[in-house]
Amino acid sequence: MRTRRKQSKIIIDEDKKNDILYIGYPTNPYTVGIDFSDDIILHYDRRRKRVIGITVLHLEKLKDELRKEGKK
């Protein structure tokens, strides 16, 4: 199941089947992906010189890890 919502130009795109979440502005030809970690990609607009989005891979795994950390 895939959910995509726009809120004030910000896109929230969750692909539950592939366990991926994107939050940010629409990408453009000047956007490059920067691997921040194994599971996080930052989307950087070279023209505007700012981060315009973030992709989280393995979202459910990350949620589980955060829950475990919260119980410590």
C-alpha atoms as a PDB file:
ATOM      1  CA  MET A   1       0.000   0.000   0.000  1.00  0.00           C
ATOM      2  CA  ARG A   2       1.319   3.430  -0.886  1.00  0.00           C
ATOM      3  CA  THR A   3       0.180   6.699   0.667  1.00  0.00           C
ATOM      4  CA  ARG A   4       1.060  10.086  -0.785  1.00  0.00           C
ATOM      5  CA  ARG A   5      -0.093  13.390   0.680  1.00  0.00           C
ATOM      6  CA  LYS A   6       0.809  16.981  -0.076  1.00  0.00           C
ATOM      7  CA  GLN A   7       0.801  19.574   2.681  1.00  0.00           C
ATOM      8  CA  SER A   8       1.905  23.090   1.707  1.00  0.00           C
ATOM      9  CA  LYS A   9       4.045  21.713  -1.127  1.00  0.00           C
ATOM     10  CA  ILE A  10       5.663  19.185   1.210  1.00  0.00           C
ATOM     11  CA  ILE A  11       5.300  15.605   0.024  1.00  0.00           C
ATOM     12  CA  ILE A  12       4.854  12.719   2.427  1.00  0.00           C
ATOM     13  CA  ASP A  13       5.197   9.526   0.407  1.00  0.00           C
ATOM     14  CA  GLU A  14       5.071   6.243   2.301  1.00  0.00           C
ATOM     15  CA  ASP A  15       5.554   3.010   0.392  1.00  0.00           C
ATOM     16  CA  LYS A  16       4.554   0.380   2.943  1.00  0.00           C
ATOM     17  CA  LYS A  17       5.194  -2.539   0.601  1.00  0.00           C
ATOM     18  CA  ASN A  18       8.857  -1.571   0.159  1.00  0.00           C
ATOM     19  CA  ASP A  19       9.154  -0.010   3.648  1.00  0.00           C
ATOM     20  CA  ILE A  20      10.276   3.417   2.391  1.00  0.00           C
ATOM     21  CA  LEU A  21       9.300   6.922   3.519  1.00  0.00           C
ATOM     22  CA  TYR A  22      10.039  10.184   1.659  1.00  0.00           C
ATOM     23  CA  ILE A  23       9.348  13.566   3.244  1.00  0.00           C
ATOM     24  CA  GLY A  24      10.247  16.777   1.463  1.00  0.00           C
ATOM     25  CA  TYR A  25       9.664  19.069  -1.442  1.00  0.00           C
ATOM     26  CA  PRO A  26       9.403  17.799  -5.017  1.00  0.00           C
ATOM     27  CA  THR A  27      12.789  16.949  -6.483  1.00  0.00           C
ATOM     28  CA  ASN A  28      14.130  18.708  -9.572  1.00  0.00           C
ATOM     29  CA  PRO A  29      17.017  18.266 -12.053  1.00  0.00           C
ATOM     30  CA  TYR A  30      19.376  19.950  -9.560  1.00  0.00           C
ATOM     31  CA  THR A  31      18.634  17.429  -6.802  1.00  0.00           C
ATOM     32  CA  VAL A  32      21.225  14.863  -5.778  1.00  0.00           C
ATOM     33  CA  GLY A  33      20.923  12.095  -3.221  1.00  0.00           C
ATOM     34  CA  ILE A  34      23.474  11.984  -0.421  1.00  0.00           C
ATOM     35  CA  ASP A  35      23.807   8.782   1.609  1.00  0.00           C
ATOM     36  CA  PHE A  36      23.630  10.008   5.186  1.00  0.00           C
ATOM     37  CA  SER A  37      23.644   6.470   6.587  1.00  0.00           C
ATOM     38  CA  ASP A  38      22.762   2.975   5.402  1.00  0.00           C
ATOM     39  CA  ASP A  39      19.053   3.736   5.766  1.00  0.00           C
ATOM     40  CA  ILE A  40      18.830   7.509   5.252  1.00  0.00           C
ATOM     41  CA  ILE A  41      19.253   9.518   2.051  1.00  0.00           C
ATOM     42  CA  LEU A  42      19.235  13.310   2.065  1.00  0.00           C
ATOM     43  CA  HIS A  43      18.016  15.052  -1.091  1.00  0.00           C
ATOM     44  CA  TYR A  44      20.087  18.174  -1.733  1.00  0.00           C
ATOM     45  CA  ASP A  45      19.186  20.917  -4.212  1.00  0.00           C
ATOM     46  CA  ARG A  46      22.514  22.117  -5.670  1.00  0.00           C
ATOM     47  CA  ARG A  47      20.948  25.254  -7.120  1.00  0.00           C
ATOM     48  CA  ARG A  48      19.330  26.441  -3.883  1.00  0.00           C
ATOM     49  CA  LYS A  49      22.091  24.941  -1.722  1.00  0.00           C
ATOM     50  CA  ARG A  50      19.789  23.281   0.773  1.00  0.00           C
ATOM     51  CA  VAL A  51      18.361  19.930   1.763  1.00  0.00           C
ATOM     52  CA  ILE A  52      14.884  19.546   0.292  1.00  0.00           C
ATOM     53  CA  GLY A  53      13.973  16.071   1.466  1.00  0.00           C
ATOM     54  CA  ILE A  54      14.820  12.869   3.251  1.00  0.00           C
ATOM     55  CA  THR A  55      14.227   9.234   2.366  1.00  0.00           C
ATOM     56  CA  VAL A  56      14.154   6.624   5.114  1.00  0.00           C
ATOM     57  CA  LEU A  57      14.707   3.032   4.026  1.00  0.00           C
ATOM     58  CA  HIS A  58      13.629   0.130   6.266  1.00  0.00           C
ATOM     59  CA  LEU A  59      11.251   2.398   8.173  1.00  0.00           C
ATOM     60  CA  GLU A  60       9.696  -0.369  10.288  1.00  0.00           C
ATOM     61  CA  LYS A  61      13.151  -1.562  11.392  1.00  0.00           C
ATOM     62  CA  LEU A  62      14.004   1.989  12.452  1.00  0.00           C
ATOM     63  CA  LYS A  63      10.720   2.311  14.373  1.00  0.00           C
ATOM     64  CA  ASP A  64      11.439  -0.969  16.199  1.00  0.00           C
ATOM     65  CA  GLU A  65      14.943   0.204  17.138  1.00  0.00           C
ATOM     66  CA  LEU A  66      13.579   3.517  18.437  1.00  0.00           C
ATOM     67  CA  ARG A  67      10.944   1.694  20.507  1.00  0.00           C
ATOM     68  CA  LYS A  68      13.651  -0.515  22.048  1.00  0.00           C
ATOM     69  CA  GLU A  69      15.784   2.537  22.858  1.00  0.00           C
ATOM     70  CA  GLY A  70      12.793   4.233  24.480  1.00  0.00           C
ATOM     71  CA  LYS A  71      12.268   1.278  26.831  1.00  0.00           C
ATOM     72  CA  LYS A  72      15.817   1.438  28.244  1.00  0.00           C
END
